[in-house]
PDB file of N, CA and C in Angstrom:
ATOM      1  N   UNK A   1      -7.841   7.048  12.217  1.00  0.00           N
ATOM      2  CA  UNK A   1      -8.380   5.913  11.499  1.00  0.00           C
ATOM      3  C   UNK A   1      -8.228   6.132  10.001  1.00  0.00           C
ATOM      4  N   UNK A   2      -7.118   5.631   9.463  1.00  0.00           N
ATOM      5  CA  UNK A   2      -6.852   5.789   8.044  1.00  0.00           C
ATOM      6  C   UNK A   2      -7.261   4.578   7.222  1.00  0.00           C
ATOM      7  N   UNK A   3      -7.603   3.486   7.891  1.00  0.00           N
ATOM      8  CA  UNK A   3      -7.937   2.267   7.161  1.00  0.00           C
ATOM      9  C   UNK A   3      -9.340   1.780   7.510  1.00  0.00           C
ATOM     10  N   UNK A   4      -9.912   1.055   6.559  1.00  0.00           N
ATOM     11  CA  UNK A   4     -11.209   0.416   6.788  1.00  0.00           C
ATOM     12  C   UNK A   4     -11.004  -0.823   7.661  1.00  0.00           C
ATOM     13  N   UNK A   5     -12.024  -1.233   8.385  1.00  0.00           N
ATOM     14  CA  UNK A   5     -11.924  -2.421   9.235  1.00  0.00           C
ATOM     15  C   UNK A   5     -11.676  -3.687   8.422  1.00  0.00           C
ATOM     16  N   UNK A   6     -12.186  -3.727   7.185  1.00  0.00           N
ATOM     17  CA  UNK A   6     -12.014  -4.910   6.341  1.00  0.00           C
ATOM     18  C   UNK A   6     -10.866  -4.742   5.342  1.00  0.00           C
ATOM     19  N   UNK A   7      -9.838  -3.990   5.729  1.00  0.00           N
ATOM     20  CA  UNK A   7      -8.659  -3.745   4.905  1.00  0.00           C
ATOM     21  C   UNK A   7      -8.035  -5.052   4.429  1.00  0.00           C
ATOM     22  N   UNK A   8      -7.627  -5.095   3.155  1.00  0.00           N
ATOM     23  CA  UNK A   8      -6.893  -6.231   2.594  1.00  0.00           C
ATOM     24  C   UNK A   8      -5.631  -5.701   1.926  1.00  0.00           C
ATOM     25  N   UNK A   9      -4.565  -6.516   1.935  1.00  0.00           N
ATOM     26  CA  UNK A   9      -3.271  -6.085   1.413  1.00  0.00           C
ATOM     27  C   UNK A   9      -2.596  -7.242   0.701  1.00  0.00           C
ATOM     28  N   UNK A  10      -1.974  -6.959  -0.453  1.00  0.00           N
ATOM     29  CA  UNK A  10      -1.152  -7.923  -1.176  1.00  0.00           C
ATOM     30  C   UNK A  10       0.213  -7.272  -1.374  1.00  0.00           C
ATOM     31  N   UNK A  11       1.284  -7.910  -0.840  1.00  0.00           N
ATOM     32  CA  UNK A  11       2.607  -7.300  -0.955  1.00  0.00           C
ATOM     33  C   UNK A  11       3.320  -7.759  -2.224  1.00  0.00           C
ATOM     34  N   UNK A  12       4.560  -7.300  -2.407  1.00  0.00           N
ATOM     35  CA  UNK A  12       5.304  -7.572  -3.639  1.00  0.00           C
ATOM     36  C   UNK A  12       5.680  -9.039  -3.798  1.00  0.00           C
ATOM     37  N   UNK A  13       5.549  -9.828  -2.740  1.00  0.00           N
ATOM     38  CA  UNK A  13       5.867 -11.249  -2.808  1.00  0.00           C
ATOM     39  C   UNK A  13       4.623 -12.121  -2.920  1.00  0.00           C
ATOM     40  N   UNK A  14       3.450 -11.491  -2.968  1.00  0.00           N
ATOM     41  CA  UNK A  14       2.201 -12.229  -3.080  1.00  0.00           C
ATOM     42  C   UNK A  14       1.569 -12.601  -1.755  1.00  0.00           C
ATOM     43  N   UNK A  15       2.156 -12.147  -0.638  1.00  0.00           N
ATOM     44  CA  UNK A  15       1.541 -12.391   0.670  1.00  0.00           C
ATOM     45  C   UNK A  15       0.259 -11.584   0.776  1.00  0.00           C
ATOM     46  N   UNK A  16      -0.784 -12.202   1.310  1.00  0.00           N
ATOM     47  CA  UNK A  16      -2.097 -11.562   1.405  1.00  0.00           C
ATOM     48  C   UNK A  16      -2.521 -11.501   2.865  1.00  0.00           C
ATOM     49  N   UNK A  17      -3.034 -10.350   3.277  1.00  0.00           N
ATOM     50  CA  UNK A  17      -3.635 -10.226   4.600  1.00  0.00           C
ATOM     51  C   UNK A  17      -5.070  -9.765   4.427  1.00  0.00           C
ATOM     52  N   UNK A  18      -5.879 -10.099   5.420  1.00  0.00           N
ATOM     53  CA  UNK A  18      -7.285  -9.731   5.378  1.00  0.00           C
ATOM     54  C   UNK A  18      -7.705  -9.238   6.753  1.00  0.00           C
ATOM     55  N   UNK A  19      -8.300  -8.070   6.790  1.00  0.00           N
ATOM     56  CA  UNK A  19      -8.727  -7.478   8.050  1.00  0.00           C
ATOM     57  C   UNK A  19      -7.699  -6.491   8.566  1.00  0.00           C
ATOM     58  N   UNK A  20      -8.190  -5.464   9.202  1.00  0.00           N
ATOM     59  CA  UNK A  20      -7.334  -4.389   9.698  1.00  0.00           C
ATOM     60  C   UNK A  20      -6.280  -4.894  10.681  1.00  0.00           C
ATOM     61  N   UNK A  21      -6.679  -5.677  11.677  1.00  0.00           N
ATOM     62  CA  UNK A  21      -5.743  -6.133  12.708  1.00  0.00           C
ATOM     63  C   UNK A  21      -4.628  -6.989  12.107  1.00  0.00           C
ATOM     64  N   UNK A  22      -4.985  -7.952  11.244  1.00  0.00           N
ATOM     65  CA  UNK A  22      -3.977  -8.818  10.630  1.00  0.00           C
ATOM     66  C   UNK A  22      -3.025  -8.014   9.755  1.00  0.00           C
ATOM     67  N   UNK A  23      -3.561  -7.075   8.980  1.00  0.00           N
ATOM     68  CA  UNK A  23      -2.729  -6.277   8.088  1.00  0.00           C
ATOM     69  C   UNK A  23      -1.766  -5.393   8.873  1.00  0.00           C
ATOM     70  N   UNK A  24      -2.235  -4.742   9.923  1.00  0.00           N
ATOM     71  CA  UNK A  24      -1.353  -3.897  10.727  1.00  0.00           C
ATOM     72  C   UNK A  24      -0.272  -4.730  11.416  1.00  0.00           C
ATOM     73  N   UNK A  25      -0.595  -5.936  11.879  1.00  0.00           N
ATOM     74  CA  UNK A  25       0.424  -6.828  12.461  1.00  0.00           C
ATOM     75  C   UNK A  25       1.467  -7.191  11.412  1.00  0.00           C
ATOM     76  N   UNK A  26       1.007  -7.471  10.202  1.00  0.00           N
ATOM     77  CA  UNK A  26       1.921  -7.827   9.114  1.00  0.00           C
ATOM     78  C   UNK A  26       2.856  -6.664   8.804  1.00  0.00           C
ATOM     79  N   UNK A  27       2.314  -5.449   8.713  1.00  0.00           N
ATOM     80  CA  UNK A  27       3.128  -4.275   8.389  1.00  0.00           C
ATOM     81  C   UNK A  27       4.171  -3.976   9.458  1.00  0.00           C
ATOM     82  N   UNK A  28       3.865  -4.255  10.710  1.00  0.00           N
ATOM     83  CA  UNK A  28       4.772  -3.878  11.799  1.00  0.00           C
ATOM     84  C   UNK A  28       5.585  -5.047  12.338  1.00  0.00           C
ATOM     85  N   UNK A  29       5.364  -6.256  11.860  1.00  0.00           N
ATOM     86  CA  UNK A  29       6.004  -7.428  12.428  1.00  0.00           C
ATOM     87  C   UNK A  29       7.303  -7.852  11.778  1.00  0.00           C
ATOM     88  N   UNK A  30       7.809  -7.127  10.817  1.00  0.00           N
ATOM     89  CA  UNK A  30       9.031  -7.512  10.116  1.00  0.00           C
ATOM     90  C   UNK A  30      10.238  -6.799  10.708  1.00  0.00           C
ATOM     91  N   UNK A  31      11.398  -7.378  10.474  1.00  0.00           N
ATOM     92  CA  UNK A  31      12.636  -6.761  10.952  1.00  0.00           C
ATOM     93  C   UNK A  31      13.219  -5.850   9.880  1.00  0.00           C
ATOM     94  N   UNK A  32      12.411  -4.946   9.407  1.00  0.00           N
ATOM     95  CA  UNK A  32      12.839  -4.002   8.381  1.00  0.00           C
ATOM     96  C   UNK A  32      13.122  -2.648   9.026  1.00  0.00           C
ATOM     97  N   UNK A  33      14.046  -1.931   8.438  1.00  0.00           N
ATOM     98  CA  UNK A  33      14.344  -0.579   8.892  1.00  0.00           C
ATOM     99  C   UNK A  33      13.912   0.388   7.791  1.00  0.00           C
ATOM    100  N   UNK A  34      12.806   1.065   8.023  1.00  0.00           N
ATOM    101  CA  UNK A  34      12.271   2.016   7.051  1.00  0.00           C
ATOM    102  C   UNK A  34      12.637   3.419   7.511  1.00  0.00           C
ATOM    103  N   UNK A  35      13.400   4.132   6.672  1.00  0.00           N
ATOM    104  CA  UNK A  35      13.817   5.497   7.012  1.00  0.00           C
ATOM    105  C   UNK A  35      12.831   6.529   6.487  1.00  0.00           C
ATOM    106  N   UNK A  36      12.288   6.277   5.301  1.00  0.00           N
ATOM    107  CA  UNK A  36      11.302   7.205   4.745  1.00  0.00           C
ATOM    108  C   UNK A  36      10.461   6.492   3.698  1.00  0.00           C
ATOM    109  N   UNK A  37       9.272   7.028   3.477  1.00  0.00           N
ATOM    110  CA  UNK A  37       8.345   6.516   2.467  1.00  0.00           C
ATOM    111  C   UNK A  37       7.811   7.712   1.696  1.00  0.00           C
ATOM    112  N   UNK A  38       7.855   7.626   0.372  1.00  0.00           N
ATOM    113  CA  UNK A  38       7.280   8.678  -0.466  1.00  0.00           C
ATOM    114  C   UNK A  38       6.364   8.039  -1.503  1.00  0.00           C
ATOM    115  N   UNK A  39       5.345   8.774  -1.856  1.00  0.00           N
ATOM    116  CA  UNK A  39       4.449   8.381  -2.940  1.00  0.00           C
ATOM    117  C   UNK A  39       4.643   9.386  -4.062  1.00  0.00           C
ATOM    118  N   UNK A  40       4.876   8.887  -5.279  1.00  0.00           N
ATOM    119  CA  UNK A  40       5.099   9.759  -6.435  1.00  0.00           C
ATOM    120  C   UNK A  40       4.161   9.360  -7.565  1.00  0.00           C
ATOM    121  N   UNK A  41       3.945  10.291  -8.460  1.00  0.00           N
ATOM    122  CA  UNK A  41       3.144  10.045  -9.665  1.00  0.00           C
ATOM    123  C   UNK A  41       1.786   9.439  -9.347  1.00  0.00           C
ATOM    124  N   UNK A  42       1.155   9.930  -8.306  1.00  0.00           N
ATOM    125  CA  UNK A  42      -0.161   9.436  -7.923  1.00  0.00           C
ATOM    126  C   UNK A  42      -1.251   9.912  -8.867  1.00  0.00           C
ATOM    127  N   UNK A  43      -2.142   9.009  -9.216  1.00  0.00           N
ATOM    128  CA  UNK A  43      -3.295   9.334 -10.048  1.00  0.00           C
ATOM    129  C   UNK A  43      -4.541   8.766  -9.391  1.00  0.00           C
ATOM    130  N   UNK A  44      -5.543   9.625  -9.209  1.00  0.00           N
ATOM    131  CA  UNK A  44      -6.802   9.204  -8.598  1.00  0.00           C
ATOM    132  C   UNK A  44      -7.850   9.027  -9.686  1.00  0.00           C
ATOM    133  N   UNK A  45      -8.590   7.936  -9.583  1.00  0.00           N
ATOM    134  CA  UNK A  45      -9.713   7.678 -10.476  1.00  0.00           C
ATOM    135  C   UNK A  45     -10.936   7.416  -9.611  1.00  0.00           C
ATOM    136  N   UNK A  46     -11.955   8.247  -9.755  1.00  0.00           N
ATOM    137  CA  UNK A  46     -13.187   8.064  -8.984  1.00  0.00           C
ATOM    138  C   UNK A  46     -14.092   7.067  -9.687  1.00  0.00           C
ATOM    139  N   UNK A  47     -14.525   6.055  -8.946  1.00  0.00           N
ATOM    140  CA  UNK A  47     -15.480   5.092  -9.481  1.00  0.00           C
ATOM    141  C   UNK A  47     -16.907   5.482  -9.133  1.00  0.00           C
ATOM    142  N   UNK A  48     -17.048   6.182  -8.016  1.00  0.00           N
ATOM    143  CA  UNK A  48     -18.341   6.702  -7.582  1.00  0.00           C
ATOM    144  C   UNK A  48     -18.045   7.803  -6.573  1.00  0.00           C
ATOM    145  N   UNK A  49     -19.070   8.335  -5.951  1.00  0.00           N
ATOM    146  CA  UNK A  49     -18.850   9.391  -4.957  1.00  0.00           C
ATOM    147  C   UNK A  49     -18.257   8.843  -3.659  1.00  0.00           C
ATOM    148  N   UNK A  50     -18.217   7.511  -3.519  1.00  0.00           N
ATOM    149  CA  UNK A  50     -17.694   6.913  -2.284  1.00  0.00           C
ATOM    150  C   UNK A  50     -16.572   5.897  -2.505  1.00  0.00           C
ATOM    151  N   UNK A  51     -16.136   5.712  -3.748  1.00  0.00           N
ATOM    152  CA  UNK A  51     -15.058   4.762  -4.043  1.00  0.00           C
ATOM    153  C   UNK A  51     -14.093   5.397  -5.039  1.00  0.00           C
ATOM    154  N   UNK A  52     -12.793   5.331  -4.725  1.00  0.00           N
ATOM    155  CA  UNK A  52     -11.765   5.870  -5.614  1.00  0.00           C
ATOM    156  C   UNK A  52     -10.561   4.935  -5.628  1.00  0.00           C
ATOM    157  N   UNK A  53      -9.840   4.941  -6.751  1.00  0.00           N
ATOM    158  CA  UNK A  53      -8.619   4.158  -6.900  1.00  0.00           C
ATOM    159  C   UNK A  53      -7.448   5.119  -7.024  1.00  0.00           C
ATOM    160  N   UNK A  54      -6.365   4.820  -6.309  1.00  0.00           N
ATOM    161  CA  UNK A  54      -5.130   5.589  -6.401  1.00  0.00           C
ATOM    162  C   UNK A  54      -4.050   4.670  -6.943  1.00  0.00           C
ATOM    163  N   UNK A  55      -3.438   5.052  -8.066  1.00  0.00           N
ATOM    164  CA  UNK A  55      -2.269   4.335  -8.571  1.00  0.00           C
ATOM    165  C   UNK A  55      -1.063   5.225  -8.319  1.00  0.00           C
ATOM    166  N   UNK A  56       0.078   4.611  -8.006  1.00  0.00           N
ATOM    167  CA  UNK A  56       1.230   5.410  -7.581  1.00  0.00           C
ATOM    168  C   UNK A  56       2.523   4.607  -7.676  1.00  0.00           C
ATOM    169  N   UNK A  57       3.642   5.333  -7.551  1.00  0.00           N
ATOM    170  CA  UNK A  57       4.945   4.724  -7.331  1.00  0.00           C
ATOM    171  C   UNK A  57       5.265   4.900  -5.859  1.00  0.00           C
ATOM    172  N   UNK A  58       5.774   3.860  -5.240  1.00  0.00           N
ATOM    173  CA  UNK A  58       6.181   3.924  -3.839  1.00  0.00           C
ATOM    174  C   UNK A  58       7.691   3.880  -3.747  1.00  0.00           C
ATOM    175  N   UNK A  59       8.257   4.855  -3.063  1.00  0.00           N
ATOM    176  CA  UNK A  59       9.702   4.951  -2.917  1.00  0.00           C
ATOM    177  C   UNK A  59      10.025   4.834  -1.428  1.00  0.00           C
ATOM    178  N   UNK A  60      10.666   3.758  -1.053  1.00  0.00           N
ATOM    179  CA  UNK A  60      11.019   3.508   0.344  1.00  0.00           C
ATOM    180  C   UNK A  60      12.530   3.556   0.497  1.00  0.00           C
ATOM    181  N   UNK A  61      12.988   4.246   1.522  1.00  0.00           N
ATOM    182  CA  UNK A  61      14.409   4.254   1.850  1.00  0.00           C
ATOM    183  C   UNK A  61      14.595   3.418   3.099  1.00  0.00           C
ATOM    184  N   UNK A  62      15.549   2.493   3.045  1.00  0.00           N
ATOM    185  CA  UNK A  62      15.823   1.622   4.168  1.00  0.00           C
ATOM    186  C   UNK A  62      16.138   0.227   3.670  1.00  0.00           C
ATOM    187  N   UNK A  63      16.117  -0.728   4.587  1.00  0.00           N
ATOM    188  CA  UNK A  63      16.449  -2.105   4.234  1.00  0.00           C
ATOM    189  C   UNK A  63      15.474  -3.078   4.886  1.00  0.00           C
ATOM    190  N   UNK A  64      15.392  -4.246   4.275  1.00  0.00           N
ATOM    191  CA  UNK A  64      14.598  -5.344   4.821  1.00  0.00           C
ATOM    192  C   UNK A  64      15.361  -6.624   4.490  1.00  0.00           C
ATOM    193  N   UNK A  65      15.722  -7.372   5.510  1.00  0.00           N
ATOM    194  CA  UNK A  65      16.523  -8.566   5.277  1.00  0.00           C
ATOM    195  C   UNK A  65      17.874  -8.252   4.676  1.00  0.00           C
ATOM    196  N   UNK A  66      18.413  -7.074   4.975  1.00  0.00           N
ATOM    197  CA  UNK A  66      19.714  -6.667   4.452  1.00  0.00           C
ATOM    198  C   UNK A  66      19.689  -6.137   3.036  1.00  0.00           C
ATOM    199  N   UNK A  67      18.533  -6.078   2.416  1.00  0.00           N
ATOM    200  CA  UNK A  67      18.401  -5.609   1.039  1.00  0.00           C
ATOM    201  C   UNK A  67      17.724  -4.248   0.996  1.00  0.00           C
ATOM    202  N   UNK A  68      18.155  -3.406   0.048  1.00  0.00           N
ATOM    203  CA  UNK A  68      17.483  -2.130  -0.178  1.00  0.00           C
ATOM    204  C   UNK A  68      16.081  -2.406  -0.715  1.00  0.00           C
ATOM    205  N   UNK A  69      15.143  -1.549  -0.369  1.00  0.00           N
ATOM    206  CA  UNK A  69      13.791  -1.687  -0.900  1.00  0.00           C
ATOM    207  C   UNK A  69      13.786  -1.389  -2.395  1.00  0.00           C
ATOM    208  N   UNK A  70      13.034  -2.163  -3.176  1.00  0.00           N
ATOM    209  CA  UNK A  70      12.903  -1.861  -4.601  1.00  0.00           C
ATOM    210  C   UNK A  70      11.857  -0.767  -4.812  1.00  0.00           C
ATOM    211  N   UNK A  71      11.864  -0.169  -5.988  1.00  0.00           N
ATOM    212  CA  UNK A  71      10.791   0.738  -6.390  1.00  0.00           C
ATOM    213  C   UNK A  71       9.552  -0.118  -6.628  1.00  0.00           C
ATOM    214  N   UNK A  72       8.420   0.326  -6.130  1.00  0.00           N
ATOM    215  CA  UNK A  72       7.184  -0.430  -6.327  1.00  0.00           C
ATOM    216  C   UNK A  72       6.143   0.426  -7.035  1.00  0.00           C
ATOM    217  N   UNK A  73       5.220  -0.232  -7.667  1.00  0.00           N
ATOM    218  CA  UNK A  73       3.995   0.396  -8.144  1.00  0.00           C
ATOM    219  C   UNK A  73       2.887  -0.102  -7.238  1.00  0.00           C
ATOM    220  N   UNK A  74       1.949   0.755  -6.966  1.00  0.00           N
ATOM    221  CA  UNK A  74       0.857   0.369  -6.092  1.00  0.00           C
ATOM    222  C   UNK A  74      -0.487   0.787  -6.651  1.00  0.00           C
ATOM    223  N   UNK A  75      -1.487   0.039  -6.278  1.00  0.00           N
ATOM    224  CA  UNK A  75      -2.871   0.358  -6.590  1.00  0.00           C
ATOM    225  C   UNK A  75      -3.653   0.208  -5.297  1.00  0.00           C
ATOM    226  N   UNK A  76      -4.323   1.269  -4.900  1.00  0.00           N
ATOM    227  CA  UNK A  76      -5.080   1.255  -3.649  1.00  0.00           C
ATOM    228  C   UNK A  76      -6.510   1.691  -3.902  1.00  0.00           C
ATOM    229  N   UNK A  77      -7.425   1.056  -3.193  1.00  0.00           N
ATOM    230  CA  UNK A  77      -8.841   1.417  -3.262  1.00  0.00           C
ATOM    231  C   UNK A  77      -9.209   2.086  -1.942  1.00  0.00           C
ATOM    232  N   UNK A  78      -9.822   3.241  -2.044  1.00  0.00           N
ATOM    233  CA  UNK A  78     -10.287   3.987  -0.878  1.00  0.00           C
ATOM    234  C   UNK A  78     -11.805   4.060  -0.908  1.00  0.00           C
ATOM    235  N   UNK A  79     -12.408   3.956   0.271  1.00  0.00           N
ATOM    236  CA  UNK A  79     -13.855   4.106   0.397  1.00  0.00           C
ATOM    237  C   UNK A  79     -14.142   5.267   1.337  1.00  0.00           C
ATOM    238  N   UNK A  80     -15.198   5.984   1.041  1.00  0.00           N
ATOM    239  CA  UNK A  80     -15.570   7.129   1.868  1.00  0.00           C
ATOM    240  C   UNK A  80     -16.490   6.664   2.990  1.00  0.00           C
ATOM    241  N   UNK A  81     -16.121   7.041   4.205  1.00  0.00           N
ATOM    242  CA  UNK A  81     -16.881   6.689   5.402  1.00  0.00           C
ATOM    243  C   UNK A  81     -17.198   7.992   6.116  1.00  0.00           C
ATOM    244  N   UNK A  82     -18.408   8.508   5.916  1.00  0.00           N
ATOM    245  CA  UNK A  82     -18.735   9.836   6.439  1.00  0.00           C
ATOM    246  C   UNK A  82     -17.936  10.879   5.677  1.00  0.00           C
ATOM    247  N   UNK A  83     -17.135  11.670   6.381  1.00  0.00           N
ATOM    248  CA  UNK A  83     -16.289  12.678   5.737  1.00  0.00           C
ATOM    249  C   UNK A  83     -14.868  12.183   5.476  1.00  0.00           C
ATOM    250  N   UNK A  84     -14.550  10.964   5.885  1.00  0.00           N
ATOM    251  CA  UNK A  84     -13.178  10.463   5.792  1.00  0.00           C
ATOM    252  C   UNK A  84     -13.029   9.417   4.691  1.00  0.00           C
ATOM    253  N   UNK A  85     -11.901   9.468   3.986  1.00  0.00           N
ATOM    254  CA  UNK A  85     -11.536   8.440   3.026  1.00  0.00           C
ATOM    255  C   UNK A  85     -10.651   7.433   3.744  1.00  0.00           C
ATOM    256  N   UNK A  86     -10.983   6.139   3.608  1.00  0.00           N
ATOM    257  CA  UNK A  86     -10.239   5.092   4.307  1.00  0.00           C
ATOM    258  C   UNK A  86      -9.691   4.066   3.306  1.00  0.00           C
ATOM    259  N   UNK A  87      -8.463   3.652   3.545  1.00  0.00           N
ATOM    260  CA  UNK A  87      -7.841   2.629   2.716  1.00  0.00           C
ATOM    261  C   UNK A  87      -8.564   1.307   2.927  1.00  0.00           C
ATOM    262  N   UNK A  88      -9.056   0.713   1.827  1.00  0.00           N
ATOM    263  CA  UNK A  88      -9.791  -0.552   1.913  1.00  0.00           C
ATOM    264  C   UNK A  88      -9.006  -1.720   1.313  1.00  0.00           C
ATOM    265  N   UNK A  89      -8.192  -1.450   0.290  1.00  0.00           N
ATOM    266  CA  UNK A  89      -7.426  -2.507  -0.369  1.00  0.00           C
ATOM    267  C   UNK A  89      -6.193  -1.888  -0.988  1.00  0.00           C
ATOM    268  N   UNK A  90      -5.071  -2.586  -0.895  1.00  0.00           N
ATOM    269  CA  UNK A  90      -3.868  -2.098  -1.564  1.00  0.00           C
ATOM    270  C   UNK A  90      -3.053  -3.268  -2.093  1.00  0.00           C
ATOM    271  N   UNK A  91      -2.539  -3.108  -3.294  1.00  0.00           N
ATOM    272  CA  UNK A  91      -1.739  -4.119  -3.983  1.00  0.00           C
ATOM    273  C   UNK A  91      -0.445  -3.454  -4.417  1.00  0.00           C
ATOM    274  N   UNK A  92       0.677  -4.022  -4.014  1.00  0.00           N
ATOM    275  CA  UNK A  92       1.983  -3.502  -4.418  1.00  0.00           C
ATOM    276  C   UNK A  92       2.679  -4.525  -5.295  1.00  0.00           C
ATOM    277  N   UNK A  93       3.403  -4.044  -6.298  1.00  0.00           N
ATOM    278  CA  UNK A  93       4.173  -4.949  -7.138  1.00  0.00           C
ATOM    279  C   UNK A  93       5.470  -4.276  -7.541  1.00  0.00           C
ATOM    280  N   UNK A  94       6.474  -5.102  -7.838  1.00  0.00           N
ATOM    281  CA  UNK A  94       7.794  -4.599  -8.200  1.00  0.00           C
ATOM    282  C   UNK A  94       7.777  -3.928  -9.556  1.00  0.00           C
ATOM    283  N   UNK A  95       8.625  -2.930  -9.700  1.00  0.00           N
ATOM    284  CA  UNK A  95       8.849  -2.303 -10.995  1.00  0.00           C
ATOM    285  C   UNK A  95       9.994  -3.060 -11.649  1.00  0.00           C
ATOM    286  N   UNK A  96       9.738  -3.658 -12.763  1.00  0.00           N
ATOM    287  CA  UNK A  96      10.776  -4.389 -13.501  1.00  0.00           C
ATOM    288  C   UNK A  96      11.374  -3.460 -14.545  1.00  0.00           C
ATOM    289  N   UNK A  97      12.669  -3.379 -14.541  1.00  0.00           N
ATOM    290  CA  UNK A  97      13.371  -2.530 -15.505  1.00  0.00           C
ATOM    291  C   UNK A  97      13.541  -3.302 -16.814  1.00  0.00           C
ATOM    292  N   UNK A  98      13.305  -2.642 -17.938  1.00  0.00           N
ATOM    293  CA  UNK A  98      13.488  -3.242 -19.255  1.00  0.00           C
ATOM    294  C   UNK A  98      14.964  -3.158 -19.641  1.00  0.00           C
ATOM    295  N   UNK A  99      15.445  -4.181 -20.352  1.00  0.00           N
ATOM    296  CA  UNK A  99      16.804  -4.141 -20.893  1.00  0.00           C
ATOM    297  C   UNK A  99      17.766  -4.598 -19.951  1.00  0.00           C
TER     298      UNK A  99
END
């Protein structure tokens, strides 16, 4: 159990899901081929003893709709449930290159 029951997600296109079941269906329902996922440059900021924010770069290898995945930046909120940290909200957005 890595996610909270009330998980919410916003993808790079602005699609929003609400609730664990809907979000997991959304993540697994696409015709994408994901070979690997890496998180880089992660920074954790604690808001309290039970809430933390993780900002990161997401690096995905593979394709979706025939296109390579772009580099994304992400912001995720985790809540502590007993001894476990669970993903409660995550927002991904494209990295725009300057110039």
